[in-house]
N, C-alpha and C. Protein backbone atom coordinates (compact mmCIF):
# COMPACT_ATOMS: atom_id res chain seq x y z
N MET A 1 61.36 98.61 -1.37
CA MET A 1 60.75 100.77 0.35
C MET A 1 59.70 100.33 0.57
N ALA A 2 59.89 101.03 1.77
CA ALA A 2 58.60 101.04 2.32
C ALA A 2 57.82 101.67 1.52
N SER A 3 56.86 102.04 1.97
CA SER A 3 55.43 102.48 1.03
C SER A 3 55.19 103.30 2.12
N TRP A 4 54.28 104.53 2.35
CA TRP A 4 54.31 105.96 2.59
C TRP A 4 53.47 105.47 4.14
N TRP A 5 52.60 103.88 3.65
CA TRP A 5 51.02 103.45 4.56
C TRP A 5 52.11 103.30 5.48
N GLU A 6 53.00 102.21 5.65
CA GLU A 6 54.49 101.66 6.74
C GLU A 6 54.80 102.36 6.81
N ARG A 7 55.73 103.42 6.61
CA ARG A 7 56.07 104.90 7.32
C ARG A 7 55.63 105.54 7.71
N HIS A 8 54.81 105.74 7.97
CA HIS A 8 54.07 107.24 8.56
C HIS A 8 52.64 106.29 9.13
N GLY A 9 51.83 105.32 7.98
CA GLY A 9 50.63 104.88 8.48
C GLY A 9 50.40 103.88 10.07
N VAL A 10 51.59 103.29 9.67
CA VAL A 10 51.80 101.97 10.41
C VAL A 10 52.74 102.69 12.21
N PRO A 11 53.25 103.69 11.90
CA PRO A 11 53.51 103.68 13.68
C PRO A 11 52.72 104.66 14.02
N ARG A 12 52.37 105.61 13.47
CA ARG A 12 50.64 106.17 14.19
C ARG A 12 49.59 105.21 14.38
N LEU A 13 49.82 104.00 13.62
CA LEU A 13 48.89 103.18 14.16
C LEU A 13 48.60 102.03 15.15
N ILE A 14 49.80 101.70 15.45
CA ILE A 14 50.84 100.98 16.55
C ILE A 14 50.55 101.93 17.97
N LYS A 15 50.43 103.20 17.69
CA LYS A 15 51.27 104.30 18.94
C LYS A 15 49.46 104.60 19.32
N CYS A 16 48.25 104.55 18.29
CA CYS A 16 46.76 104.80 19.28
C CYS A 16 46.74 103.29 19.54
N ALA A 17 46.87 102.09 18.76
CA ALA A 17 46.46 100.70 19.32
C ALA A 17 47.08 100.11 20.66
N CYS A 18 48.09 100.59 21.25
CA CYS A 18 48.67 99.89 21.79
C CYS A 18 48.94 101.03 23.67
N SER A 19 48.51 101.89 22.57
CA SER A 19 48.38 103.07 24.62
C SER A 19 46.54 103.28 24.90
N GLN A 20 45.62 102.53 24.48
CA GLN A 20 44.74 102.51 24.74
C GLN A 20 44.54 102.42 26.42
N GLY A 21 43.80 102.21 27.02
CA GLY A 21 43.88 102.24 28.20
C GLY A 21 43.30 101.26 28.71
N GLN A 22 43.49 100.70 27.92
CA GLN A 22 42.54 99.01 29.07
C GLN A 22 44.34 97.63 28.38
N VAL A 23 45.43 99.17 27.69
CA VAL A 23 45.99 98.37 26.90
C VAL A 23 47.67 98.73 28.08
N MET A 24 47.73 100.12 28.51
CA MET A 24 48.31 100.78 29.50
C MET A 24 48.24 100.10 31.40
N LYS A 25 47.30 99.90 31.03
CA LYS A 25 47.20 99.32 32.59
C LYS A 25 48.14 97.84 32.40
N LEU A 26 47.78 96.97 31.51
CA LEU A 26 48.73 95.72 31.27
C LEU A 26 50.12 96.32 31.79
N ARG A 27 50.10 97.22 31.11
CA ARG A 27 51.62 97.54 30.93
C ARG A 27 51.65 98.16 32.02
N SER A 28 51.20 98.67 33.22
CA SER A 28 51.73 98.32 34.33
C SER A 28 51.81 97.63 35.57
N ARG A 29 51.62 96.66 35.21
CA ARG A 29 51.48 95.01 35.60
C ARG A 29 52.98 94.12 35.25
N VAL A 30 53.33 95.14 34.19
CA VAL A 30 54.83 93.84 33.75
C VAL A 30 55.99 95.19 33.95
N VAL A 31 56.10 96.54 33.09
CA VAL A 31 57.13 96.65 33.13
C VAL A 31 58.07 97.50 34.25
N PRO A 32 56.81 97.37 35.34
CA PRO A 32 57.77 98.51 36.34
C PRO A 32 58.94 97.30 36.95
N HIS A 33 58.80 95.49 36.48
CA HIS A 33 59.62 95.05 37.00
C HIS A 33 61.29 94.16 36.78
N ALA A 34 61.38 95.55 35.78
CA ALA A 34 62.17 95.51 35.16
C ALA A 34 63.41 96.41 35.75
N ARG A 35 64.65 95.12 35.77
CA ARG A 35 65.81 96.08 37.06
C ARG A 35 67.04 95.37 36.40
N GLY A 36 67.91 96.34 37.18
CA GLY A 36 69.35 96.14 35.90
C GLY A 36 69.88 96.82 34.66
N HIS A 37 69.97 95.62 33.83
CA HIS A 37 70.36 96.59 32.95
C HIS A 37 69.87 96.13 31.65
N VAL A 38 68.98 97.03 30.93
CA VAL A 38 67.40 96.27 30.43
C VAL A 38 67.27 96.53 29.18
N LEU A 39 66.32 95.96 28.30
CA LEU A 39 66.43 96.05 27.32
C LEU A 39 65.40 96.09 26.90
N GLU A 40 64.70 97.11 25.89
CA GLU A 40 63.28 97.09 25.87
C GLU A 40 62.98 96.80 23.85
N LEU A 41 63.01 95.36 23.78
CA LEU A 41 63.29 95.09 21.60
C LEU A 41 61.30 95.56 21.38
N GLY A 42 61.32 96.38 20.64
CA GLY A 42 60.70 97.38 19.77
C GLY A 42 59.38 98.56 21.21
N CYS A 43 61.09 98.67 21.58
CA CYS A 43 60.06 100.77 21.84
C CYS A 43 60.02 101.75 21.29
N GLY A 44 59.76 101.19 20.38
CA GLY A 44 59.36 102.04 19.55
C GLY A 44 58.54 103.14 19.92
N GLY A 45 58.19 104.25 20.37
CA GLY A 45 57.04 104.96 20.07
C GLY A 45 56.66 105.70 21.58
N GLY A 46 57.57 104.66 22.86
CA GLY A 46 58.27 105.42 24.09
C GLY A 46 56.76 105.24 25.19
N ILE A 47 56.06 104.29 25.04
CA ILE A 47 54.78 104.05 25.65
C ILE A 47 55.40 103.14 26.74
N ASN A 48 56.43 103.11 26.82
CA ASN A 48 56.72 102.21 28.34
C ASN A 48 56.89 103.12 29.27
N MET A 49 57.76 103.66 28.80
CA MET A 49 58.93 104.78 29.89
C MET A 49 58.30 105.32 31.41
N GLU A 50 57.06 105.61 30.77
CA GLU A 50 56.68 105.47 32.11
C GLU A 50 56.76 104.43 33.16
N PHE A 51 56.80 103.71 33.37
CA PHE A 51 56.29 102.79 33.66
C PHE A 51 57.56 102.17 34.74
N TYR A 52 58.64 102.34 33.98
CA TYR A 52 60.15 102.33 34.23
C TYR A 52 60.49 102.56 36.05
N ARG A 53 61.39 101.98 36.47
CA ARG A 53 61.61 102.75 37.91
C ARG A 53 62.87 103.23 37.88
N PRO A 54 62.84 103.51 38.34
CA PRO A 54 64.10 104.48 37.58
C PRO A 54 64.86 104.17 38.80
N GLY A 55 64.80 103.86 40.52
CA GLY A 55 65.66 102.84 41.28
C GLY A 55 66.11 101.66 41.23
N GLN A 56 65.61 100.79 40.32
CA GLN A 56 65.49 100.06 39.49
C GLN A 56 66.83 99.76 38.45
N VAL A 57 66.40 100.69 37.85
CA VAL A 57 67.17 100.63 36.67
C VAL A 57 68.17 100.70 36.19
N GLU A 58 69.53 100.11 35.99
CA GLU A 58 71.18 100.94 35.94
C GLU A 58 71.48 101.47 34.79
N SER A 59 70.30 101.03 33.71
CA SER A 59 70.93 101.26 32.45
C SER A 59 69.45 100.93 31.47
N PHE A 60 69.21 101.91 30.08
CA PHE A 60 68.39 101.08 29.17
C PHE A 60 68.19 101.06 28.37
N THR A 61 68.36 100.98 27.67
CA THR A 61 68.68 100.03 26.07
C THR A 61 66.91 99.96 25.12
N GLY A 62 67.16 100.80 23.91
CA GLY A 62 65.67 100.28 23.12
C GLY A 62 66.10 99.64 21.67
N LEU A 63 65.33 98.37 21.37
CA LEU A 63 65.37 98.71 20.24
C LEU A 63 64.82 98.68 19.68
N ASP A 64 64.29 99.01 17.73
CA ASP A 64 63.32 99.16 16.98
C ASP A 64 63.84 99.55 15.81
N PRO A 65 62.37 98.57 14.23
CA PRO A 65 63.37 98.97 13.16
C PRO A 65 62.47 100.28 12.95
N SER A 66 61.18 100.75 12.86
CA SER A 66 60.83 102.05 12.84
C SER A 66 61.88 103.58 13.14
N PRO A 67 62.26 104.35 12.13
CA PRO A 67 62.53 105.12 12.31
C PRO A 67 61.70 106.59 12.80
N GLU A 68 60.79 106.43 12.98
CA GLU A 68 59.51 107.17 13.28
C GLU A 68 59.52 106.61 14.53
N LEU A 69 58.55 106.11 14.82
CA LEU A 69 58.84 105.40 16.09
C LEU A 69 59.68 105.07 17.00
N LEU A 70 60.68 105.31 16.33
CA LEU A 70 62.23 105.55 17.39
C LEU A 70 62.09 107.09 18.29
N ALA A 71 62.19 107.88 17.17
CA ALA A 71 62.06 109.41 17.12
C ALA A 71 61.24 109.85 18.45
N MET A 72 59.78 109.20 18.70
CA MET A 72 59.32 109.17 19.89
C MET A 72 59.79 108.63 20.75
N SER A 73 59.96 107.47 20.47
CA SER A 73 60.95 107.31 21.80
C SER A 73 61.73 107.65 22.84
N ARG A 74 62.17 108.25 21.92
CA ARG A 74 64.13 108.70 22.42
C ARG A 74 62.97 110.36 22.92
N ALA A 75 62.02 110.88 22.07
CA ALA A 75 61.59 112.13 22.91
C ALA A 75 60.23 112.26 24.46
N ALA A 76 59.79 110.30 24.28
CA ALA A 76 59.66 110.01 25.73
C ALA A 76 60.62 109.56 26.96
N ALA A 77 61.78 109.59 26.65
CA ALA A 77 63.14 108.88 26.73
C ALA A 77 63.39 110.64 28.15
N ALA A 78 63.75 111.59 27.09
CA ALA A 78 63.49 113.09 27.81
C ALA A 78 63.14 114.01 28.65
N GLU A 79 61.55 112.91 27.83
CA GLU A 79 60.62 113.79 28.54
C GLU A 79 60.66 113.14 30.28
N HIS A 80 61.02 111.92 30.09
CA HIS A 80 60.73 111.53 31.81
C HIS A 80 62.57 111.44 32.71
N GLY A 81 63.35 111.94 31.79
CA GLY A 81 64.52 111.89 31.89
C GLY A 81 65.07 110.80 32.13
N MET A 82 65.10 110.34 31.39
CA MET A 82 65.65 108.74 31.55
C MET A 82 66.71 109.14 30.25
N ALA A 83 68.47 108.71 30.98
CA ALA A 83 69.35 108.61 29.74
C ALA A 83 69.01 106.60 29.33
N ALA A 84 69.30 107.15 28.05
CA ALA A 84 68.74 105.84 26.75
C ALA A 84 69.41 105.33 26.46
N ASP A 85 70.02 104.39 25.48
CA ASP A 85 70.48 103.85 24.30
C ASP A 85 69.37 103.70 23.03
N ILE A 86 69.12 104.52 22.32
CA ILE A 86 68.21 104.24 21.73
C ILE A 86 68.42 103.51 20.84
N ARG A 87 68.36 102.94 19.49
CA ARG A 87 68.87 102.57 18.37
C ARG A 87 68.57 101.87 17.18
N GLY A 88 68.34 101.62 15.73
CA GLY A 88 67.95 101.31 15.23
C GLY A 88 68.06 99.73 14.82
N GLY A 89 66.86 98.52 14.29
CA GLY A 89 67.38 97.33 14.35
C GLY A 89 66.38 96.56 14.91
N VAL A 90 66.67 95.18 14.28
CA VAL A 90 65.94 93.61 14.25
C VAL A 90 65.80 93.03 16.01
N GLY A 91 65.59 92.19 16.02
CA GLY A 91 65.28 91.67 17.42
C GLY A 91 65.79 90.10 16.32
N GLU A 92 66.03 89.72 15.47
CA GLU A 92 65.91 88.62 14.71
C GLU A 92 68.02 88.75 14.58
N ALA A 93 68.36 89.30 14.53
CA ALA A 93 69.72 90.28 14.65
C ALA A 93 70.47 91.21 15.98
N MET A 94 69.56 90.80 16.91
CA MET A 94 70.54 92.42 17.92
C MET A 94 72.21 92.51 17.96
N PRO A 95 72.56 93.79 17.86
CA PRO A 95 73.96 94.38 18.35
C PRO A 95 74.62 94.08 19.04
N PHE A 96 73.96 93.12 20.31
CA PHE A 96 74.59 93.03 21.11
C PHE A 96 75.58 92.35 22.04
N ASP A 97 76.07 91.74 23.24
CA ASP A 97 77.13 91.28 23.49
C ASP A 97 75.88 89.67 24.03
N SER A 98 76.39 88.75 24.07
CA SER A 98 75.74 87.47 25.30
C SER A 98 76.08 88.04 26.67
N GLY A 99 74.99 88.06 27.11
CA GLY A 99 75.04 87.90 28.26
C GLY A 99 75.06 89.60 28.26
N GLN A 100 74.41 90.48 27.98
CA GLN A 100 74.61 92.21 28.44
C GLN A 100 73.17 92.08 29.28
N PHE A 101 72.26 92.14 29.66
CA PHE A 101 71.41 92.23 30.51
C PHE A 101 70.41 91.66 31.28
N ASP A 102 69.92 92.02 31.84
CA ASP A 102 69.15 91.74 32.99
C ASP A 102 68.06 91.14 32.85
N THR A 103 67.22 92.00 32.08
CA THR A 103 66.04 92.12 32.04
C THR A 103 66.56 92.58 30.69
N VAL A 104 64.50 91.97 29.92
CA VAL A 104 64.47 92.03 28.56
C VAL A 104 62.87 92.27 28.73
N VAL A 105 62.32 93.59 27.54
CA VAL A 105 61.38 93.58 28.43
C VAL A 105 61.03 93.48 26.60
N THR A 106 59.29 92.77 25.98
CA THR A 106 58.94 92.54 24.97
C THR A 106 57.03 92.89 25.14
N THR A 107 56.61 94.55 24.70
CA THR A 107 55.09 94.68 24.83
C THR A 107 54.49 93.94 24.14
N PHE A 108 53.41 93.60 23.17
CA PHE A 108 52.89 93.76 21.51
C PHE A 108 54.56 93.69 21.25
N THR A 109 54.84 93.11 21.03
CA THR A 109 56.19 93.29 19.84
C THR A 109 56.15 91.67 18.96
N LEU A 110 56.17 90.59 19.29
CA LEU A 110 56.38 89.19 18.94
C LEU A 110 55.54 88.97 17.11
N CYS A 111 54.03 89.70 18.24
CA CYS A 111 53.46 89.06 17.00
C CYS A 111 53.54 89.97 15.52
N SER A 112 54.75 91.04 15.21
CA SER A 112 55.19 91.69 14.15
C SER A 112 56.06 91.09 13.85
N VAL A 113 57.20 90.66 14.46
CA VAL A 113 58.21 90.08 13.81
C VAL A 113 58.91 89.60 12.56
N ALA A 114 59.87 89.14 12.02
CA ALA A 114 59.69 88.42 11.22
C ALA A 114 60.14 87.28 10.85
N ASP A 115 60.40 86.49 12.16
CA ASP A 115 60.84 85.27 12.16
C ASP A 115 60.35 85.53 13.77
N GLN A 116 59.72 84.83 14.85
CA GLN A 116 59.52 84.64 15.76
C GLN A 116 60.32 83.94 17.11
N VAL A 117 60.46 82.41 16.23
CA VAL A 117 61.37 81.87 17.06
C VAL A 117 63.32 82.54 16.86
N ALA A 118 63.61 83.33 15.62
CA ALA A 118 65.03 83.42 15.73
C ALA A 118 64.72 85.09 16.66
N VAL A 119 64.14 85.28 17.15
CA VAL A 119 63.85 86.59 17.81
C VAL A 119 63.98 86.26 19.73
N LEU A 120 63.32 84.83 19.64
CA LEU A 120 63.13 84.52 21.13
C LEU A 120 64.50 83.57 21.58
N ALA A 121 65.86 83.47 20.54
CA ALA A 121 66.58 82.86 20.82
C ALA A 121 67.63 84.03 20.69
N GLU A 122 67.68 84.93 20.52
CA GLU A 122 68.42 86.24 19.68
C GLU A 122 67.92 87.42 22.09
N ILE A 123 66.83 86.83 22.27
CA ILE A 123 66.39 87.60 23.96
C ILE A 123 67.45 87.06 24.50
N ARG A 124 67.78 85.23 23.80
CA ARG A 124 68.22 84.62 25.40
C ARG A 124 69.11 84.47 25.49
N ARG A 125 69.82 84.20 24.24
CA ARG A 125 71.26 85.15 24.04
C ARG A 125 72.15 86.31 25.05
N VAL A 126 70.78 87.18 24.60
CA VAL A 126 71.93 88.69 25.23
C VAL A 126 71.19 88.86 26.67
N LEU A 127 70.71 87.68 27.41
CA LEU A 127 70.82 87.37 28.47
C LEU A 127 71.08 87.18 29.69
N LYS A 128 71.70 87.84 30.25
CA LYS A 128 72.37 87.67 31.64
C LYS A 128 71.79 85.59 31.82
N PRO A 129 72.91 84.79 32.28
CA PRO A 129 72.58 83.81 33.55
C PRO A 129 71.23 84.51 34.21
N GLY A 130 70.54 83.94 34.99
CA GLY A 130 69.01 83.91 36.02
C GLY A 130 68.71 85.45 34.93
N GLY A 131 68.77 85.74 34.00
CA GLY A 131 68.01 87.26 33.68
C GLY A 131 66.44 86.66 33.68
N THR A 132 66.23 87.89 32.91
CA THR A 132 64.67 88.09 33.42
C THR A 132 63.78 87.58 31.56
N ALA A 133 63.00 87.73 31.11
CA ALA A 133 62.35 88.74 29.77
C ALA A 133 60.78 88.60 30.55
N LEU A 134 60.50 89.53 30.45
CA LEU A 134 59.64 90.45 30.34
C LEU A 134 58.41 90.21 29.42
N PHE A 135 56.68 90.07 28.82
CA PHE A 135 56.82 89.96 27.79
C PHE A 135 54.91 90.04 28.28
N LEU A 136 54.44 90.65 27.05
CA LEU A 136 53.50 91.13 27.59
C LEU A 136 52.93 91.41 25.73
N GLU A 137 52.03 90.27 24.96
CA GLU A 137 51.60 90.21 23.96
C GLU A 137 50.39 89.67 23.18
N HIS A 138 49.69 89.59 22.21
CA HIS A 138 48.58 88.80 22.06
C HIS A 138 48.19 88.12 21.10
N GLY A 139 48.24 87.35 21.52
CA GLY A 139 47.92 86.01 20.57
C GLY A 139 46.78 85.79 19.88
N GLY A 140 47.42 84.00 19.98
CA GLY A 140 46.42 82.93 18.89
C GLY A 140 45.48 82.55 20.44
N ALA A 141 44.23 82.66 20.44
CA ALA A 141 43.72 82.60 21.10
C ALA A 141 42.99 80.79 21.12
N PRO A 142 42.85 80.71 22.79
CA PRO A 142 42.66 78.41 22.98
C PRO A 142 41.03 78.78 22.65
N ASP A 143 40.34 79.98 22.51
CA ASP A 143 38.87 78.93 21.63
C ASP A 143 38.66 78.85 20.53
N ALA A 144 38.35 77.54 19.62
CA ALA A 144 37.79 77.21 18.31
C ALA A 144 37.91 78.89 17.74
N GLY A 145 36.22 78.82 18.19
CA GLY A 145 35.70 80.06 17.32
C GLY A 145 36.70 81.00 17.23
N VAL A 146 36.72 81.37 18.15
CA VAL A 146 37.96 82.84 18.32
C VAL A 146 38.96 82.61 17.02
N ALA A 147 39.63 81.67 17.78
CA ALA A 147 40.98 81.01 16.36
C ALA A 147 40.63 81.52 14.90
N LYS A 148 39.21 80.98 14.53
CA LYS A 148 38.83 80.60 12.87
C LYS A 148 38.74 81.99 13.05
N TRP A 149 37.98 82.95 13.95
CA TRP A 149 38.06 84.11 12.78
C TRP A 149 39.53 84.74 12.50
N GLN A 150 40.95 84.76 13.86
CA GLN A 150 42.16 84.96 14.02
C GLN A 150 42.77 84.56 12.44
N ARG A 151 42.06 83.05 12.15
CA ARG A 151 42.99 82.36 11.30
C ARG A 151 42.42 83.31 9.59
N ARG A 152 41.31 83.66 9.44
CA ARG A 152 40.30 84.61 8.66
C ARG A 152 40.85 86.11 8.84
N ILE A 153 40.92 86.62 9.22
CA ILE A 153 41.34 88.11 9.46
C ILE A 153 42.78 88.05 9.20
N GLU A 154 43.28 87.37 9.65
CA GLU A 154 45.18 87.91 9.98
C GLU A 154 45.43 88.28 8.23
N PRO A 155 45.16 87.50 7.64
CA PRO A 155 46.21 87.85 5.97
C PRO A 155 46.20 89.54 5.54
N VAL A 156 44.75 89.81 5.89
CA VAL A 156 44.90 91.37 5.61
C VAL A 156 45.01 91.68 6.81
N TRP A 157 45.17 91.78 8.40
CA TRP A 157 44.89 92.53 9.35
C TRP A 157 47.03 92.63 8.93
N LYS A 158 47.68 91.85 8.54
CA LYS A 158 49.33 91.65 8.35
C LYS A 158 49.48 93.25 7.60
N ARG A 159 49.04 93.14 6.27
CA ARG A 159 49.12 94.56 5.46
C ARG A 159 48.82 95.81 6.12
N ILE A 160 47.71 95.64 6.81
CA ILE A 160 47.12 96.50 7.61
C ILE A 160 48.21 97.05 8.68
N GLY A 161 48.46 95.89 9.21
CA GLY A 161 49.59 96.99 11.21
C GLY A 161 50.61 95.85 11.03
N GLY A 162 51.51 95.95 9.51
CA GLY A 162 53.14 96.45 10.09
C GLY A 162 53.27 94.56 10.14
N ASN A 163 53.07 93.66 10.09
CA ASN A 163 53.38 92.70 9.72
C ASN A 163 52.74 91.98 10.97
N CYS A 164 51.87 92.45 11.85
CA CYS A 164 50.96 92.21 13.05
C CYS A 164 49.85 90.51 12.31
N HIS A 165 50.44 90.39 13.53
CA HIS A 165 49.89 88.94 13.14
C HIS A 165 48.88 88.02 14.45
N LEU A 166 47.61 87.84 14.41
CA LEU A 166 46.70 87.65 15.10
C LEU A 166 46.92 86.05 15.79
N THR A 167 47.77 84.60 14.98
CA THR A 167 47.14 83.42 15.59
C THR A 167 48.54 83.08 16.00
N ARG A 168 49.64 83.45 16.45
CA ARG A 168 51.18 83.50 16.73
C ARG A 168 51.42 82.91 18.41
N PRO A 169 51.84 81.44 18.53
CA PRO A 169 51.33 81.33 19.79
C PRO A 169 52.53 82.61 21.15
N ILE A 170 52.12 81.99 22.48
CA ILE A 170 52.32 83.60 23.10
C ILE A 170 53.41 82.84 24.06
N GLY A 171 53.17 82.50 25.87
CA GLY A 171 53.85 81.83 26.66
C GLY A 171 54.12 79.97 25.86
N THR A 172 54.07 79.52 25.12
CA THR A 172 54.60 78.44 24.78
C THR A 172 55.54 78.66 23.47
N ALA A 173 55.22 79.67 23.05
CA ALA A 173 56.72 80.34 22.40
C ALA A 173 57.90 80.08 22.86
N TYR A 174 57.44 80.46 24.69
CA TYR A 174 58.99 80.65 25.01
C TYR A 174 59.56 79.68 25.63
N ALA A 175 58.16 78.80 26.27
CA ALA A 175 58.92 77.62 26.73
C ALA A 175 59.62 76.32 25.58
N ALA A 176 59.06 77.05 24.43
CA ALA A 176 59.79 75.87 23.63
C ALA A 176 61.46 76.68 23.32
N ALA A 177 61.46 78.10 22.98
CA ALA A 177 62.19 78.26 23.29
C ALA A 177 63.49 78.61 23.64
N GLY A 178 63.40 77.52 25.75
CA GLY A 178 64.38 77.62 26.63
C GLY A 178 64.00 78.03 27.43
N PHE A 179 62.69 78.74 27.90
CA PHE A 179 62.54 79.04 29.02
C PHE A 179 61.32 78.40 30.22
N ALA A 180 61.74 78.83 31.36
CA ALA A 180 60.62 78.64 32.57
C ALA A 180 59.94 79.48 32.26
N VAL A 181 58.11 79.29 32.10
CA VAL A 181 58.04 81.11 32.13
C VAL A 181 56.96 80.50 32.93
N ASP A 182 56.62 81.58 33.81
CA ASP A 182 55.85 81.85 34.58
C ASP A 182 54.62 82.67 34.38
N ARG A 183 53.10 82.65 34.05
CA ARG A 183 52.57 82.96 33.44
C ARG A 183 51.42 83.69 33.76
N GLN A 184 51.30 84.74 33.95
CA GLN A 184 50.73 85.68 35.21
C GLN A 184 49.24 85.74 35.40
N ALA A 185 48.91 85.95 33.69
CA ALA A 185 48.14 85.68 33.18
C ALA A 185 47.43 85.62 31.93
N ALA A 186 46.24 85.13 31.67
CA ALA A 186 45.70 85.10 29.90
C ALA A 186 44.53 85.50 29.77
N ALA A 187 43.75 86.53 29.51
CA ALA A 187 42.19 86.63 29.11
C ALA A 187 42.52 87.34 28.21
N TYR A 188 41.04 87.53 27.43
CA TYR A 188 40.55 88.46 26.76
C TYR A 188 40.59 90.14 26.44
N MET A 189 40.99 91.38 26.62
CA MET A 189 41.09 91.99 27.28
C MET A 189 39.95 92.49 26.57
N PRO A 190 39.22 93.71 27.82
CA PRO A 190 37.63 93.98 28.05
C PRO A 190 37.56 95.06 27.15
N GLY A 191 36.17 94.60 26.33
CA GLY A 191 35.81 96.50 25.47
C GLY A 191 36.48 95.65 23.98
N THR A 192 37.60 94.89 23.68
CA THR A 192 38.39 94.43 22.63
C THR A 192 37.60 93.40 22.29
N PRO A 193 37.68 93.29 20.55
CA PRO A 193 36.71 92.44 19.54
C PRO A 193 37.79 91.25 19.73
N ARG A 194 37.31 89.91 20.35
CA ARG A 194 38.07 88.55 20.76
C ARG A 194 38.76 88.46 19.62
N PRO A 195 39.19 88.26 18.80
CA PRO A 195 40.34 88.21 17.83
C PRO A 195 41.18 88.92 17.96
N PHE A 196 41.04 90.55 18.14
CA PHE A 196 42.50 91.38 18.71
C PHE A 196 42.49 91.15 19.78
N GLY A 197 41.48 90.53 21.30
CA GLY A 197 42.20 90.76 22.42
C GLY A 197 42.43 89.66 23.03
N TRP A 198 43.13 88.45 22.74
CA TRP A 198 43.92 87.87 23.67
C TRP A 198 44.96 88.00 23.76
N VAL A 199 45.25 88.12 25.71
CA VAL A 199 46.56 88.06 25.40
C VAL A 199 47.26 87.41 26.83
N GLU A 200 48.32 87.75 27.00
CA GLU A 200 49.36 86.90 27.81
C GLU A 200 50.09 87.55 28.43
N TYR A 201 50.64 87.63 29.72
CA TYR A 201 51.55 88.47 30.14
C TYR A 201 52.15 87.53 31.28
N GLY A 202 53.68 87.73 31.54
CA GLY A 202 54.78 87.41 32.59
C GLY A 202 55.79 87.42 32.49
N ALA A 203 56.55 86.64 33.34
CA ALA A 203 57.87 86.44 33.28
C ALA A 203 58.10 85.43 32.48
N ALA A 204 59.95 85.47 31.92
CA ALA A 204 59.94 84.14 31.80
C ALA A 204 61.78 84.34 31.59
N ARG A 205 62.43 82.93 32.27
CA ARG A 205 63.60 82.66 32.39
C ARG A 205 63.96 82.06 31.94
N VAL A 206 65.56 81.62 31.83
CA VAL A 206 66.41 80.59 30.53
C VAL A 206 66.52 78.92 31.87
N ALA A 207 65.65 78.09 30.92
CA ALA A 207 65.25 77.55 31.25
C ALA A 207 66.43 76.29 31.93
N GLY A 208 66.50 75.94 33.63
CA GLY A 208 67.54 74.82 33.52
C GLY A 208 68.82 75.09 34.53
C-alpha cells in the first residue's frame, strides 16, 4: 500500500518542481510539435496542456499511474477546453493497440518509471509507422564530477521523489530501443543544481 507521502506528497512535489519557469520554457519548445493522435505518457498534473495546438491535435490521450495527478490533469484539460481520454496505467503495459498514435510525448517521465527499457519498447509499439516520440527528460550528466554526485544522491532522492532517478540515459536509451534520435539540445538548466539539472530534448522516430 502506498504511503501518505507517495499518495499526496509526491504528486505535489512533482507538480511544483516540474512547473518552474525554466522547465516551462523547455516544455514550450517540445510539446507544440505534437500532432495527430497524441498520447502523453506521464500526463499527471496537466502541466503540458497549455502547449498543445488544437489545430494540430486530432485526439488526446493521457496515461499516468497517480490518481491525484490524474485528477489535476483532467481539470487542466477541462480548463483548456481539450477533449481528452485520461486514464490510469503504467508505461510498461499500455492499454492501447499497436500503431495507435502519431505522437507520444514524455516530459520528465522516464526518470521515474519502473522499467525504462520496457517503456521505450511500448512507446515504439503504440506509435504508427513514421510516428514521433517527443521527449524532454533529465538524466545522467556527461561530466564525471556531476555524475559522481548523481550516483551519491540518487538512492535517497528516489525515496523522496517518487522513484525519480538521476543517472538514467536519455537520447542513448531511445537509440538503444531502435529509434533514430534528433536531439535538439542537451544542457544544464540555468539556476538548477547540476546533479538535478542535466536535460535533453528532441524527437525520436522508429529507425529503419
